[in-house]
Amino acid sequence: MSARDLRLALSSALPAEGVRTAFGFLAHRMVEKLPPRPEETAESTPPPSPLPLIACDGPGEEHLFRPHESWVTTWGPAIVSSNAPTGPT
């Protein structure tokens, strides 16, 4: 459902006598005007579990991080600091 569809569903055919509370009106519209929720399927797989915390191989004090991929062994800021110039150029 697009933002435009949602806006139309919530704002079309407003009551002539007005609205007492915005909260109640919105709750009513969300129940009455929006399409039903999709049914849960038995075949749906649970999301993958996060990778375990590992020690960073980069410079500096030892610290743990959770990699975004299994092959990553260095935390982002450690990579940047290890590539920084170390002396006068």
C-alpha atoms as a PDB file:
ATOM      1  CA  MET A   1       0.000   0.000   0.000  1.00  0.00           C
ATOM      2  CA  SER A   2       1.431   3.341  -0.990  1.00  0.00           C
ATOM      3  CA  ALA A   3       1.421   6.484   1.145  1.00  0.00           C
ATOM      4  CA  ARG A   4      -1.141   7.981  -1.252  1.00  0.00           C
ATOM      5  CA  ASP A   5      -3.492   5.001  -0.795  1.00  0.00           C
ATOM      6  CA  LEU A   6      -3.174   5.238   2.978  1.00  0.00           C
ATOM      7  CA  ARG A   7      -3.869   8.982   2.931  1.00  0.00           C
ATOM      8  CA  LEU A   8      -6.973   8.466   0.764  1.00  0.00           C
ATOM      9  CA  ALA A   9      -8.265   5.635   2.971  1.00  0.00           C
ATOM     10  CA  LEU A  10      -7.906   7.732   6.110  1.00  0.00           C
ATOM     11  CA  SER A  11      -9.194  11.050   4.760  1.00  0.00           C
ATOM     12  CA  SER A  12     -12.013  10.117   2.351  1.00  0.00           C
ATOM     13  CA  ALA A  13     -15.672  10.539   3.344  1.00  0.00           C
ATOM     14  CA  LEU A  14     -15.021  12.569   6.483  1.00  0.00           C
ATOM     15  CA  PRO A  15     -18.050  12.888   8.814  1.00  0.00           C
ATOM     16  CA  ALA A  16     -20.106  16.083   8.269  1.00  0.00           C
ATOM     17  CA  GLU A  17     -20.459  16.691  12.026  1.00  0.00           C
ATOM     18  CA  GLY A  18     -16.705  16.629  12.542  1.00  0.00           C
ATOM     19  CA  VAL A  19     -14.490  14.464  14.679  1.00  0.00           C
ATOM     20  CA  ARG A  20     -14.494  14.396  18.506  1.00  0.00           C
ATOM     21  CA  THR A  21     -10.956  13.096  18.948  1.00  0.00           C
ATOM     22  CA  ALA A  22      -8.262  12.551  16.373  1.00  0.00           C
ATOM     23  CA  PHE A  23      -7.072   9.433  18.196  1.00  0.00           C
ATOM     24  CA  GLY A  24     -10.488   7.761  18.146  1.00  0.00           C
ATOM     25  CA  PHE A  25     -11.121   8.751  14.546  1.00  0.00           C
ATOM     26  CA  LEU A  26      -7.764   7.398  13.399  1.00  0.00           C
ATOM     27  CA  ALA A  27      -8.240   4.141  15.327  1.00  0.00           C
ATOM     28  CA  HIS A  28     -11.688   3.665  13.760  1.00  0.00           C
ATOM     29  CA  ARG A  29     -10.384   4.364  10.252  1.00  0.00           C
ATOM     30  CA  MET A  30      -7.423   2.018  10.706  1.00  0.00           C
ATOM     31  CA  VAL A  31      -9.813  -0.817  11.620  1.00  0.00           C
ATOM     32  CA  GLU A  32     -12.606  -0.080   9.129  1.00  0.00           C
ATOM     33  CA  LYS A  33     -10.872   1.212   6.007  1.00  0.00           C
ATOM     34  CA  LEU A  34      -7.547  -0.601   5.739  1.00  0.00           C
ATOM     35  CA  PRO A  35      -7.304  -4.014   4.066  1.00  0.00           C
ATOM     36  CA  PRO A  36      -7.029  -7.093   6.286  1.00  0.00           C
ATOM     37  CA  ARG A  37      -3.620  -8.283   7.397  1.00  0.00           C
ATOM     38  CA  PRO A  38      -2.051 -10.997   5.230  1.00  0.00           C
ATOM     39  CA  GLU A  39      -2.344 -14.468   6.679  1.00  0.00           C
ATOM     40  CA  GLU A  40       0.706 -16.021   8.289  1.00  0.00           C
ATOM     41  CA  THR A  41       2.093 -18.905   6.271  1.00  0.00           C
ATOM     42  CA  ALA A  42       3.463 -22.039   7.829  1.00  0.00           C
ATOM     43  CA  GLU A  43       6.301 -22.114   5.292  1.00  0.00           C
ATOM     44  CA  SER A  44       7.734 -18.784   6.419  1.00  0.00           C
ATOM     45  CA  THR A  45      11.252 -19.163   7.732  1.00  0.00           C
ATOM     46  CA  PRO A  46      12.420 -17.330  10.833  1.00  0.00           C
ATOM     47  CA  PRO A  47      15.023 -14.598  10.325  1.00  0.00           C
ATOM     48  CA  PRO A  48      18.630 -15.756  10.542  1.00  0.00           C
ATOM     49  CA  SER A  49      20.240 -15.481  13.951  1.00  0.00           C
ATOM     50  CA  PRO A  50      22.891 -12.766  14.316  1.00  0.00           C
ATOM     51  CA  LEU A  51      26.537 -13.690  14.016  1.00  0.00           C
ATOM     52  CA  PRO A  52      28.422 -14.099  17.318  1.00  0.00           C
ATOM     53  CA  LEU A  53      30.579 -11.353  18.820  1.00  0.00           C
ATOM     54  CA  ILE A  54      34.240 -11.605  17.805  1.00  0.00           C
ATOM     55  CA  ALA A  55      37.439  -9.798  18.801  1.00  0.00           C
ATOM     56  CA  CYS A  56      38.590  -7.147  16.329  1.00  0.00           C
ATOM     57  CA  ASP A  57      41.888  -7.914  14.531  1.00  0.00           C
ATOM     58  CA  GLY A  58      42.573  -4.183  14.062  1.00  0.00           C
ATOM     59  CA  PRO A  59      44.976  -1.920  15.972  1.00  0.00           C
ATOM     60  CA  GLY A  60      44.281  -0.465  19.417  1.00  0.00           C
ATOM     61  CA  GLU A  61      42.730  -1.916  22.521  1.00  0.00           C
ATOM     62  CA  GLU A  62      40.953  -5.236  22.201  1.00  0.00           C
ATOM     63  CA  HIS A  63      37.236  -4.836  21.622  1.00  0.00           C
ATOM     64  CA  LEU A  64      34.370  -7.040  20.485  1.00  0.00           C
ATOM     65  CA  PHE A  65      31.974  -6.404  17.650  1.00  0.00           C
ATOM     66  CA  ARG A  66      29.273  -8.264  15.735  1.00  0.00           C
ATOM     67  CA  PRO A  67      30.289  -8.586  12.048  1.00  0.00           C
ATOM     68  CA  HIS A  68      27.725  -8.051   9.312  1.00  0.00           C
ATOM     69  CA  GLU A  69      29.251 -10.868   7.245  1.00  0.00           C
ATOM     70  CA  SER A  70      31.016 -14.038   8.414  1.00  0.00           C
ATOM     71  CA  TRP A  71      34.318 -13.131   6.680  1.00  0.00           C
ATOM     72  CA  VAL A  72      34.681  -9.697   8.384  1.00  0.00           C
ATOM     73  CA  THR A  73      37.357  -9.660  11.115  1.00  0.00           C
ATOM     74  CA  THR A  74      37.945  -5.914  11.614  1.00  0.00           C
ATOM     75  CA  TRP A  75      35.553  -3.251  12.887  1.00  0.00           C
ATOM     76  CA  GLY A  76      34.957  -0.294  10.503  1.00  0.00           C
ATOM     77  CA  PRO A  77      36.741   2.481  12.500  1.00  0.00           C
ATOM     78  CA  ALA A  78      39.750   0.176  13.032  1.00  0.00           C
ATOM     79  CA  ILE A  79      40.095  -0.204   9.260  1.00  0.00           C
ATOM     80  CA  VAL A  80      40.026   3.566   8.775  1.00  0.00           C
ATOM     81  CA  SER A  81      42.608   4.191  11.521  1.00  0.00           C
ATOM     82  CA  SER A  82      44.925   1.491  10.186  1.00  0.00           C
ATOM     83  CA  ASN A  83      44.875   3.111   6.718  1.00  0.00           C
ATOM     84  CA  ALA A  84      45.549   6.613   8.074  1.00  0.00           C
ATOM     85  CA  PRO A  85      48.982   8.131   7.381  1.00  0.00           C
ATOM     86  CA  THR A  86      51.333   7.572  10.314  1.00  0.00           C
ATOM     87  CA  GLY A  87      54.032  10.152   9.659  1.00  0.00           C
ATOM     88  CA  PRO A  88      54.957  13.220   7.638  1.00  0.00           C
ATOM     89  CA  THR A  89      54.505  12.905   3.917  1.00  0.00           C
END
